[in-house]
PDB file of N, CA and C in Angstrom:
ATOM      1  N   MET A   1      -9.410 -19.974 -11.219  1.00  0.00           N
ATOM      2  CA  MET A   1      -8.519 -19.834  -9.983  1.00  0.00           C
ATOM      3  C   MET A   1      -8.001 -18.350 -10.020  1.00  0.00           C
ATOM      4  N   ALA A   2      -7.929 -17.696  -9.124  1.00  0.00           N
ATOM      5  CA  ALA A   2      -7.262 -16.356  -9.078  1.00  0.00           C
ATOM      6  C   ALA A   2      -6.051 -16.239  -9.425  1.00  0.00           C
ATOM      7  N   VAL A   3      -5.587 -15.440 -10.010  1.00  0.00           N
ATOM      8  CA  VAL A   3      -4.222 -15.239 -10.186  1.00  0.00           C
ATOM      9  C   VAL A   3      -3.262 -14.492  -9.003  1.00  0.00           C
ATOM     10  N   LYS A   4      -2.164 -15.335  -8.521  1.00  0.00           N
ATOM     11  CA  LYS A   4      -1.612 -14.655  -7.433  1.00  0.00           C
ATOM     12  C   LYS A   4      -0.819 -13.265  -7.728  1.00  0.00           C
ATOM     13  N   PHE A   5      -0.969 -12.610  -6.806  1.00  0.00           N
ATOM     14  CA  PHE A   5      -0.354 -11.409  -6.689  1.00  0.00           C
ATOM     15  C   PHE A   5       1.180 -11.759  -6.898  1.00  0.00           C
ATOM     16  N   PRO A   6       2.132 -11.086  -7.789  1.00  0.00           N
ATOM     17  CA  PRO A   6       3.411 -11.230  -8.231  1.00  0.00           C
ATOM     18  C   PRO A   6       4.388 -10.974  -7.081  1.00  0.00           C
ATOM     19  N   TYR A   7       3.998 -10.328  -6.056  1.00  0.00           N
ATOM     20  CA  TYR A   7       5.005  -9.940  -4.961  1.00  0.00           C
ATOM     21  C   TYR A   7       4.222 -10.441  -3.656  1.00  0.00           C
ATOM     22  N   ALA A   8       3.411 -11.431  -3.989  1.00  0.00           N
ATOM     23  CA  ALA A   8       2.980 -11.815  -2.668  1.00  0.00           C
ATOM     24  C   ALA A   8       4.226 -12.643  -1.720  1.00  0.00           C
ATOM     25  N   GLY A   9       4.130 -12.772  -0.594  1.00  0.00           N
ATOM     26  CA  GLY A   9       5.491 -13.056   0.283  1.00  0.00           C
ATOM     27  C   GLY A   9       6.136 -12.285   0.454  1.00  0.00           C
ATOM     28  N   GLN A  10       6.209 -10.843   0.083  1.00  0.00           N
ATOM     29  CA  GLN A  10       7.230  -9.954  -0.062  1.00  0.00           C
ATOM     30  C   GLN A  10       6.845  -8.823   0.836  1.00  0.00           C
ATOM     31  N   SER A  11       7.840  -8.130   1.618  1.00  0.00           N
ATOM     32  CA  SER A  11       7.377  -6.851   2.311  1.00  0.00           C
ATOM     33  C   SER A  11       8.369  -5.632   1.670  1.00  0.00           C
ATOM     34  N   PHE A  12       7.912  -4.778   1.757  1.00  0.00           N
ATOM     35  CA  PHE A  12       8.341  -3.319   1.226  1.00  0.00           C
ATOM     36  C   PHE A  12       8.033  -2.208   2.250  1.00  0.00           C
ATOM     37  N   THR A  13       9.003  -1.266   2.703  1.00  0.00           N
ATOM     38  CA  THR A  13       9.146  -0.201   3.231  1.00  0.00           C
ATOM     39  C   THR A  13       8.970   1.068   2.368  1.00  0.00           C
ATOM     40  N   ILE A  14       7.960   2.068   2.445  1.00  0.00           N
ATOM     41  CA  ILE A  14       7.829   2.911   1.444  1.00  0.00           C
ATOM     42  C   ILE A  14       8.017   4.312   2.242  1.00  0.00           C
ATOM     43  N   LYS A  15       8.645   5.243   1.591  1.00  0.00           N
ATOM     44  CA  LYS A  15       8.669   6.520   2.276  1.00  0.00           C
ATOM     45  C   LYS A  15       8.166   7.315   1.271  1.00  0.00           C
ATOM     46  N   MET A  16       7.039   7.929   2.005  1.00  0.00           N
ATOM     47  CA  MET A  16       6.350   9.069   1.070  1.00  0.00           C
ATOM     48  C   MET A  16       7.044  10.699   1.353  1.00  0.00           C
ATOM     49  N   ASP A  17       6.795  11.217   0.273  1.00  0.00           N
ATOM     50  CA  ASP A  17       7.159  12.810   0.098  1.00  0.00           C
ATOM     51  C   ASP A  17       6.745  13.573   1.291  1.00  0.00           C
ATOM     52  N   ASN A  18       5.608  13.264   2.039  1.00  0.00           N
ATOM     53  CA  ASN A  18       5.132  13.988   3.212  1.00  0.00           C
ATOM     54  C   ASN A  18       5.903  13.516   4.502  1.00  0.00           C
ATOM     55  N   GLY A  19       6.687  12.488   4.360  1.00  0.00           N
ATOM     56  CA  GLY A  19       7.566  12.009   5.390  1.00  0.00           C
ATOM     57  C   GLY A  19       6.778  10.660   6.229  1.00  0.00           C
ATOM     58  N   LEU A  20       5.483  10.457   5.523  1.00  0.00           N
ATOM     59  CA  LEU A  20       5.030   9.091   6.367  1.00  0.00           C
ATOM     60  C   LEU A  20       6.174   8.022   5.695  1.00  0.00           C
ATOM     61  N   GLU A  21       6.003   7.006   6.534  1.00  0.00           N
ATOM     62  CA  GLU A  21       6.860   5.574   6.304  1.00  0.00           C
ATOM     63  C   GLU A  21       5.684   4.749   6.679  1.00  0.00           C
ATOM     64  N   VAL A  22       5.772   3.615   5.853  1.00  0.00           N
ATOM     65  CA  VAL A  22       4.909   2.507   6.235  1.00  0.00           C
ATOM     66  C   VAL A  22       5.637   1.224   5.492  1.00  0.00           C
ATOM     67  N   LYS A  23       5.281  -0.043   6.088  1.00  0.00           N
ATOM     68  CA  LYS A  23       5.823  -1.192   5.663  1.00  0.00           C
ATOM     69  C   LYS A  23       4.557  -2.001   5.263  1.00  0.00           C
ATOM     70  N   ASN A  24       4.662  -2.251   4.079  1.00  0.00           N
ATOM     71  CA  ASN A  24       3.394  -2.839   3.371  1.00  0.00           C
ATOM     72  C   ASN A  24       3.970  -4.620   3.147  1.00  0.00           C
ATOM     73  N   ALA A  25       3.300  -5.661   3.750  1.00  0.00           N
ATOM     74  CA  ALA A  25       3.693  -6.733   3.645  1.00  0.00           C
ATOM     75  C   ALA A  25       2.576  -7.530   2.798  1.00  0.00           C
ATOM     76  N   TYR A  26       2.653  -8.243   1.760  1.00  0.00           N
ATOM     77  CA  TYR A  26       1.901  -8.911   0.936  1.00  0.00           C
ATOM     78  C   TYR A  26       1.758 -10.274   1.345  1.00  0.00           C
ATOM     79  N   HIS A  27       0.825 -10.918   2.039  1.00  0.00           N
ATOM     80  CA  HIS A  27       0.794 -12.272   2.283  1.00  0.00           C
ATOM     81  C   HIS A  27       0.851 -13.302   1.158  1.00  0.00           C
ATOM     82  N   ALA A  28       1.594 -14.444   1.290  1.00  0.00           N
ATOM     83  CA  ALA A  28       1.949 -15.426   0.374  1.00  0.00           C
ATOM     84  C   ALA A  28       1.054 -16.183   0.144  1.00  0.00           C
ATOM     85  N   SER A  29      -0.235 -16.279   0.843  1.00  0.00           N
ATOM     86  CA  SER A  29      -1.100 -17.190   0.601  1.00  0.00           C
ATOM     87  C   SER A  29      -2.609 -16.765   0.247  1.00  0.00           C
ATOM     88  N   GLU A  30      -2.771 -15.440   0.237  1.00  0.00           N
ATOM     89  CA  GLU A  30      -3.995 -14.692  -0.148  1.00  0.00           C
ATOM     90  C   GLU A  30      -4.051 -13.450  -0.281  1.00  0.00           C
ATOM     91  N   ASN A  31      -4.819 -12.713  -0.865  1.00  0.00           N
ATOM     92  CA  ASN A  31      -4.800 -11.185  -1.082  1.00  0.00           C
ATOM     93  C   ASN A  31      -4.976 -10.384   0.108  1.00  0.00           C
ATOM     94  N   THR A  32      -4.206 -10.617   1.111  1.00  0.00           N
ATOM     95  CA  THR A  32      -4.290  -9.848   2.325  1.00  0.00           C
ATOM     96  C   THR A  32      -2.964  -8.859   2.387  1.00  0.00           C
ATOM     97  N   ILE A  33      -3.038  -7.733   3.007  1.00  0.00           N
ATOM     98  CA  ILE A  33      -1.785  -6.924   3.162  1.00  0.00           C
ATOM     99  C   ILE A  33      -1.780  -6.507   4.511  1.00  0.00           C
ATOM    100  N   THR A  34      -0.617  -6.610   5.346  1.00  0.00           N
ATOM    101  CA  THR A  34      -0.326  -6.091   6.493  1.00  0.00           C
ATOM    102  C   THR A  34       0.075  -4.831   6.540  1.00  0.00           C
ATOM    103  N   VAL A  35      -0.230  -3.814   6.761  1.00  0.00           N
ATOM    104  CA  VAL A  35       0.012  -2.351   6.657  1.00  0.00           C
ATOM    105  C   VAL A  35       0.626  -2.031   8.216  1.00  0.00           C
ATOM    106  N   GLU A  36       2.001  -1.512   8.119  1.00  0.00           N
ATOM    107  CA  GLU A  36       2.383  -1.014   9.605  1.00  0.00           C
ATOM    108  C   GLU A  36       3.084   0.375   9.601  1.00  0.00           C
ATOM    109  N   PHE A  37       2.114   1.185  10.190  1.00  0.00           N
ATOM    110  CA  PHE A  37       2.760   2.703  10.279  1.00  0.00           C
ATOM    111  C   PHE A  37       4.030   2.865  11.065  1.00  0.00           C
ATOM    112  N   LEU A  38       5.274   3.101  10.274  1.00  0.00           N
ATOM    113  CA  LEU A  38       6.401   3.349  11.160  1.00  0.00           C
ATOM    114  C   LEU A  38       6.676   4.503  11.800  1.00  0.00           C
ATOM    115  N   ASN A  39       5.918   5.636  11.481  1.00  0.00           N
ATOM    116  CA  ASN A  39       6.054   7.089  12.007  1.00  0.00           C
ATOM    117  C   ASN A  39       4.662   7.882  12.087  1.00  0.00           C
ATOM    118  N   GLY A  40       4.886   8.954  12.631  1.00  0.00           N
ATOM    119  CA  GLY A  40       3.580   9.997  12.792  1.00  0.00           C
ATOM    120  C   GLY A  40       2.622   9.466  13.861  1.00  0.00           C
ATOM    121  N   GLU A  41       1.484   9.874  13.742  1.00  0.00           N
ATOM    122  CA  GLU A  41       0.353   9.631  14.568  1.00  0.00           C
ATOM    123  C   GLU A  41      -0.024   8.264  14.727  1.00  0.00           C
ATOM    124  N   LEU A  42      -0.082   7.623  13.758  1.00  0.00           N
ATOM    125  CA  LEU A  42      -0.257   6.206  13.560  1.00  0.00           C
ATOM    126  C   LEU A  42       1.008   5.216  13.987  1.00  0.00           C
ATOM    127  N   ARG A  43       2.002   5.687  14.292  1.00  0.00           N
ATOM    128  CA  ARG A  43       3.115   4.792  14.447  1.00  0.00           C
ATOM    129  C   ARG A  43       2.717   3.631  15.289  1.00  0.00           C
ATOM    130  N   GLY A  44       3.149   2.703  14.886  1.00  0.00           N
ATOM    131  CA  GLY A  44       2.997   1.200  15.807  1.00  0.00           C
ATOM    132  C   GLY A  44       1.659   0.556  15.338  1.00  0.00           C
ATOM    133  N   THR A  45       0.801   1.220  14.564  1.00  0.00           N
ATOM    134  CA  THR A  45      -0.738   0.771  14.268  1.00  0.00           C
ATOM    135  C   THR A  45      -0.294  -0.244  13.088  1.00  0.00           C
ATOM    136  N   ILE A  46      -0.858  -1.100  13.353  1.00  0.00           N
ATOM    137  CA  ILE A  46      -0.927  -2.549  12.294  1.00  0.00           C
ATOM    138  C   ILE A  46      -2.263  -2.951  11.896  1.00  0.00           C
ATOM    139  N   MET A  47      -2.278  -2.965  10.457  1.00  0.00           N
ATOM    140  CA  MET A  47      -3.842  -3.452   9.995  1.00  0.00           C
ATOM    141  C   MET A  47      -3.483  -4.700   9.143  1.00  0.00           C
ATOM    142  N   ASN A  48      -4.258  -5.653   9.137  1.00  0.00           N
ATOM    143  CA  ASN A  48      -4.529  -6.880   8.336  1.00  0.00           C
ATOM    144  C   ASN A  48      -5.728  -6.756   7.398  1.00  0.00           C
ATOM    145  N   VAL A  49      -5.494  -6.362   6.286  1.00  0.00           N
ATOM    146  CA  VAL A  49      -6.834  -5.949   5.223  1.00  0.00           C
ATOM    147  C   VAL A  49      -6.822  -6.676   3.935  1.00  0.00           C
ATOM    148  N   PRO A  50      -7.702  -7.295   3.294  1.00  0.00           N
ATOM    149  CA  PRO A  50      -7.796  -7.865   2.271  1.00  0.00           C
ATOM    150  C   PRO A  50      -7.502  -6.580   1.158  1.00  0.00           C
ATOM    151  N   PHE A  51      -6.793  -6.869  -0.131  1.00  0.00           N
ATOM    152  CA  PHE A  51      -6.529  -5.875  -1.031  1.00  0.00           C
ATOM    153  C   PHE A  51      -7.031  -6.481  -2.680  1.00  0.00           C
ATOM    154  N   GLN A  52      -7.210  -5.586  -3.358  1.00  0.00           N
ATOM    155  CA  GLN A  52      -7.391  -5.970  -4.778  1.00  0.00           C
ATOM    156  C   GLN A  52      -6.385  -5.277  -5.603  1.00  0.00           C
ATOM    157  N   TRP A  53      -6.005  -5.876  -6.556  1.00  0.00           N
ATOM    158  CA  TRP A  53      -4.602  -5.344  -7.704  1.00  0.00           C
ATOM    159  C   TRP A  53      -5.255  -5.630  -8.828  1.00  0.00           C
ATOM    160  N   ARG A  54      -4.418  -4.837  -9.965  1.00  0.00           N
ATOM    161  CA  ARG A  54      -4.562  -5.036 -11.337  1.00  0.00           C
ATOM    162  C   ARG A  54      -3.153  -4.808 -11.773  1.00  0.00           C
ATOM    163  N   SER A  55      -2.681  -5.505 -12.721  1.00  0.00           N
ATOM    164  CA  SER A  55      -1.368  -5.202 -13.294  1.00  0.00           C
ATOM    165  C   SER A  55      -1.855  -4.025 -14.361  1.00  0.00           C
ATOM    166  N   LEU A  56      -0.740  -3.153 -14.760  1.00  0.00           N
ATOM    167  CA  LEU A  56      -0.797  -2.168 -15.753  1.00  0.00           C
ATOM    168  C   LEU A  56       0.425  -2.220 -16.388  1.00  0.00           C
ATOM    169  N   ALA A  57       0.692  -1.525 -17.452  1.00  0.00           N
ATOM    170  CA  ALA A  57       1.758  -1.276 -18.294  1.00  0.00           C
ATOM    171  C   ALA A  57       2.848  -0.930 -17.744  1.00  0.00           C
ATOM    172  N   ASP A  58       3.986  -1.266 -18.267  1.00  0.00           N
ATOM    173  CA  ASP A  58       5.359  -0.843 -17.992  1.00  0.00           C
ATOM    174  C   ASP A  58       5.662  -1.100 -16.491  1.00  0.00           C
ATOM    175  N   GLY A  59       5.010  -2.446 -15.803  1.00  0.00           N
ATOM    176  CA  GLY A  59       5.753  -2.930 -14.549  1.00  0.00           C
ATOM    177  C   GLY A  59       4.867  -2.213 -13.334  1.00  0.00           C
ATOM    178  N   TYR A  60       3.657  -1.309 -13.762  1.00  0.00           N
ATOM    179  CA  TYR A  60       3.004  -0.782 -12.707  1.00  0.00           C
ATOM    180  C   TYR A  60       1.937  -1.608 -12.210  1.00  0.00           C
ATOM    181  N   PHE A  61       1.597  -1.447 -11.014  1.00  0.00           N
ATOM    182  CA  PHE A  61       0.329  -2.307 -10.484  1.00  0.00           C
ATOM    183  C   PHE A  61      -0.430  -1.232  -9.794  1.00  0.00           C
ATOM    184  N   MET A  62      -1.686  -1.364  -9.960  1.00  0.00           N
ATOM    185  CA  MET A  62      -2.862  -0.649  -9.213  1.00  0.00           C
ATOM    186  C   MET A  62      -3.045  -1.402  -7.856  1.00  0.00           C
ATOM    187  N   ILE A  63      -2.899  -0.840  -6.583  1.00  0.00           N
ATOM    188  CA  ILE A  63      -3.505  -1.833  -5.586  1.00  0.00           C
ATOM    189  C   ILE A  63      -4.240  -0.914  -4.679  1.00  0.00           C
ATOM    190  N   SER A  64      -5.392  -1.692  -4.054  1.00  0.00           N
ATOM    191  CA  SER A  64      -6.185  -0.878  -3.359  1.00  0.00           C
ATOM    192  C   SER A  64      -6.669  -1.649  -2.288  1.00  0.00           C
ATOM    193  N   TRP A  65      -7.187  -0.806  -1.309  1.00  0.00           N
ATOM    194  CA  TRP A  65      -7.698  -1.617  -0.097  1.00  0.00           C
ATOM    195  C   TRP A  65      -8.338  -0.464   0.992  1.00  0.00           C
ATOM    196  N   GLN A  66      -9.305  -0.984   1.740  1.00  0.00           N
ATOM    197  CA  GLN A  66      -9.955  -0.262   2.798  1.00  0.00           C
ATOM    198  C   GLN A  66      -9.389  -0.523   4.134  1.00  0.00           C
ATOM    199  N   GLU A  67      -8.814   0.268   4.841  1.00  0.00           N
ATOM    200  CA  GLU A  67      -8.266   0.051   6.209  1.00  0.00           C
ATOM    201  C   GLU A  67      -9.235  -0.374   7.166  1.00  0.00           C
ATOM    202  N   SER A  68      -8.892  -0.910   8.371  1.00  0.00           N
ATOM    203  CA  SER A  68      -9.957  -1.283   9.463  1.00  0.00           C
ATOM    204  C   SER A  68     -10.564   0.038  10.012  1.00  0.00           C
ATOM    205  N   ASP A  69      -9.836   1.279   9.869  1.00  0.00           N
ATOM    206  CA  ASP A  69     -10.832   2.323  10.373  1.00  0.00           C
ATOM    207  C   ASP A  69     -11.619   2.872   9.133  1.00  0.00           C
ATOM    208  N   LYS A  70     -11.969   2.356   8.013  1.00  0.00           N
ATOM    209  CA  LYS A  70     -12.587   2.647   6.776  1.00  0.00           C
ATOM    210  C   LYS A  70     -12.033   3.694   6.055  1.00  0.00           C
ATOM    211  N   ASN A  71     -11.017   4.156   6.285  1.00  0.00           N
ATOM    212  CA  ASN A  71     -10.023   4.832   5.438  1.00  0.00           C
ATOM    213  C   ASN A  71      -9.565   4.379   3.792  1.00  0.00           C
ATOM    214  N   THR A  72      -9.671   4.833   2.905  1.00  0.00           N
ATOM    215  CA  THR A  72      -9.158   4.204   1.754  1.00  0.00           C
ATOM    216  C   THR A  72      -7.879   4.394   1.083  1.00  0.00           C
ATOM    217  N   VAL A  73      -7.478   3.462   0.650  1.00  0.00           N
ATOM    218  CA  VAL A  73      -5.827   3.609  -0.069  1.00  0.00           C
ATOM    219  C   VAL A  73      -5.730   3.050  -1.502  1.00  0.00           C
ATOM    220  N   VAL A  74      -5.357   3.813  -2.407  1.00  0.00           N
ATOM    221  CA  VAL A  74      -5.135   3.169  -3.523  1.00  0.00           C
ATOM    222  C   VAL A  74      -3.783   3.587  -4.241  1.00  0.00           C
ATOM    223  N   HIS A  75      -2.693   2.617  -4.426  1.00  0.00           N
ATOM    224  CA  HIS A  75      -1.541   3.027  -4.768  1.00  0.00           C
ATOM    225  C   HIS A  75      -1.338   2.484  -6.163  1.00  0.00           C
ATOM    226  N   CYS A  76      -0.269   3.368  -6.673  1.00  0.00           N
ATOM    227  CA  CYS A  76       0.021   2.730  -8.150  1.00  0.00           C
ATOM    228  C   CYS A  76       1.690   2.659  -7.914  1.00  0.00           C
ATOM    229  N   ASP A  77       2.107   1.352  -7.744  1.00  0.00           N
ATOM    230  CA  ASP A  77       3.465   1.362  -7.534  1.00  0.00           C
ATOM    231  C   ASP A  77       4.182   0.164  -8.691  1.00  0.00           C
ATOM    232  N   ASN A  78       5.383   0.812  -8.759  1.00  0.00           N
ATOM    233  CA  ASN A  78       6.180  -0.130  -9.732  1.00  0.00           C
ATOM    234  C   ASN A  78       7.488  -0.583  -8.604  1.00  0.00           C
ATOM    235  N   PHE A  79       7.648  -1.900  -8.434  1.00  0.00           N
ATOM    236  CA  PHE A  79       8.384  -2.408  -7.398  1.00  0.00           C
ATOM    237  C   PHE A  79       9.969  -2.915  -8.160  1.00  0.00           C
ATOM    238  N   GLU A  80       9.912  -2.582  -9.280  1.00  0.00           N
ATOM    239  CA  GLU A  80      11.090  -2.493 -10.035  1.00  0.00           C
ATOM    240  C   GLU A  80      11.864  -1.242 -10.074  1.00  0.00           C
ATOM    241  N   LYS A  81      11.017  -0.115 -10.317  1.00  0.00           N
ATOM    242  CA  LYS A  81      11.671   1.069 -10.276  1.00  0.00           C
ATOM    243  C   LYS A  81      11.650   1.722  -8.995  1.00  0.00           C
ATOM    244  N   ASN A  82      10.918   1.221  -7.827  1.00  0.00           N
ATOM    245  CA  ASN A  82      11.147   1.733  -6.632  1.00  0.00           C
ATOM    246  C   ASN A  82      10.325   3.020  -6.636  1.00  0.00           C
ATOM    247  N   ILE A  83       8.939   2.968  -6.952  1.00  0.00           N
ATOM    248  CA  ILE A  83       8.083   4.265  -7.163  1.00  0.00           C
ATOM    249  C   ILE A  83       6.704   3.773  -6.710  1.00  0.00           C
ATOM    250  N   SER A  84       6.313   4.603  -5.725  1.00  0.00           N
ATOM    251  CA  SER A  84       4.933   4.597  -5.303  1.00  0.00           C
ATOM    252  C   SER A  84       4.175   5.893  -5.357  1.00  0.00           C
ATOM    253  N   TYR A  85       2.956   5.740  -5.828  1.00  0.00           N
ATOM    254  CA  TYR A  85       2.011   7.031  -5.974  1.00  0.00           C
ATOM    255  C   TYR A  85       0.761   6.382  -5.252  1.00  0.00           C
ATOM    256  N   ALA A  86       0.576   7.193  -3.952  1.00  0.00           N
ATOM    257  CA  ALA A  86      -0.375   7.002  -3.178  1.00  0.00           C
ATOM    258  C   ALA A  86      -1.676   7.731  -3.098  1.00  0.00           C
ATOM    259  N   TYR A  87      -2.774   7.499  -2.830  1.00  0.00           N
ATOM    260  CA  TYR A  87      -3.996   8.612  -2.691  1.00  0.00           C
ATOM    261  C   TYR A  87      -5.099   7.789  -1.504  1.00  0.00           C
ATOM    262  N   TYR A  88      -5.300   8.577  -0.723  1.00  0.00           N
ATOM    263  CA  TYR A  88      -5.400   8.448   0.593  1.00  0.00           C
ATOM    264  C   TYR A  88      -6.532   8.963   1.052  1.00  0.00           C
ATOM    265  N   THR A  89      -7.812   8.498   1.279  1.00  0.00           N
ATOM    266  CA  THR A  89      -8.940   9.380   1.787  1.00  0.00           C
ATOM    267  C   THR A  89      -9.412   8.779   3.148  1.00  0.00           C
ATOM    268  N   THR A  90      -9.540   9.699   4.043  1.00  0.00           N
ATOM    269  CA  THR A  90     -10.155   9.417   5.514  1.00  0.00           C
ATOM    270  C   THR A  90     -11.533   9.496   5.393  1.00  0.00           C
ATOM    271  N   MET A  91     -12.241   8.892   6.512  1.00  0.00           N
ATOM    272  CA  MET A  91     -13.451   8.799   6.942  1.00  0.00           C
ATOM    273  C   MET A  91     -14.218  10.459   6.796  1.00  0.00           C
ATOM    274  N   SER A  92     -13.314  11.119   7.344  1.00  0.00           N
ATOM    275  CA  SER A  92     -13.469  12.721   7.648  1.00  0.00           C
ATOM    276  C   SER A  92     -13.659  13.583   6.198  1.00  0.00           C
ATOM    277  N   GLY A  93     -13.171  13.030   5.318  1.00  0.00           N
ATOM    278  CA  GLY A  93     -13.141  13.547   4.167  1.00  0.00           C
ATOM    279  C   GLY A  93     -11.855  14.227   3.747  1.00  0.00           C
ATOM    280  N   ASP A  94     -10.599  14.270   4.283  1.00  0.00           N
ATOM    281  CA  ASP A  94      -9.626  14.432   4.129  1.00  0.00           C
ATOM    282  C   ASP A  94      -9.129  13.578   2.909  1.00  0.00           C
ATOM    283  N   PHE A  95      -7.999  14.261   2.142  1.00  0.00           N
ATOM    284  CA  PHE A  95      -7.509  13.474   0.866  1.00  0.00           C
ATOM    285  C   PHE A  95      -6.123  13.985   0.502  1.00  0.00           C
ATOM    286  N   TYR A  96      -5.304  12.855   0.448  1.00  0.00           N
ATOM    287  CA  TYR A  96      -3.841  13.062   0.293  1.00  0.00           C
ATOM    288  C   TYR A  96      -3.502  12.522  -0.827  1.00  0.00           C
ATOM    289  N   VAL A  97      -2.591  13.173  -1.401  1.00  0.00           N
ATOM    290  CA  VAL A  97      -1.813  12.620  -2.845  1.00  0.00           C
ATOM    291  C   VAL A  97      -0.420  12.549  -2.396  1.00  0.00           C
ATOM    292  N   MET A  98       0.167  11.419  -2.401  1.00  0.00           N
ATOM    293  CA  MET A  98       1.747  11.198  -2.253  1.00  0.00           C
ATOM    294  C   MET A  98       2.333  10.420  -3.012  1.00  0.00           C
ATOM    295  N   GLU A  99       3.631  10.895  -3.055  1.00  0.00           N
ATOM    296  CA  GLU A  99       4.678  10.319  -4.081  1.00  0.00           C
ATOM    297  C   GLU A  99       5.654   9.643  -3.241  1.00  0.00           C
ATOM    298  N   GLY A 100       6.202   8.597  -3.511  1.00  0.00           N
ATOM    299  CA  GLY A 100       7.404   8.019  -2.575  1.00  0.00           C
ATOM    300  C   GLY A 100       8.137   6.818  -3.069  1.00  0.00           C
ATOM    301  N   LYS A 101       9.135   6.630  -2.455  1.00  0.00           N
ATOM    302  CA  LYS A 101      10.061   5.647  -2.871  1.00  0.00           C
ATOM    303  C   LYS A 101      10.217   4.205  -2.084  1.00  0.00           C
ATOM    304  N   ILE A 102      10.038   3.302  -2.793  1.00  0.00           N
ATOM    305  CA  ILE A 102       9.904   1.982  -2.351  1.00  0.00           C
ATOM    306  C   ILE A 102      11.523   1.303  -2.010  1.00  0.00           C
ATOM    307  N   LEU A 103      11.600   1.090  -0.595  1.00  0.00           N
ATOM    308  CA  LEU A 103      13.004   0.959  -0.217  1.00  0.00           C
ATOM    309  C   LEU A 103      13.165  -0.469  -0.298  1.00  0.00           C
TER     310      LEU A 103
END
């Protein structure tokens, strides 16, 4: 039996250092995340996608998913320290490295 994500059933707003704001909601019953873009060009876009996760040292979690538009996301998040590091690759080859606060 798979281990349940410790933050399943919870939602978090993340504000990145480049101004991007997203709401990540982890479903309670499965490894699915709902990502809602709160500002920018994708404002109002909502995606429900499966995610993978691994527990790391010191309360960090590596979380990854592929969005419905095929862009890929990897987060290294610490929900207790309210820190998010994100790496985002677009299908066109753009690559973004971001750091943010989990609100």
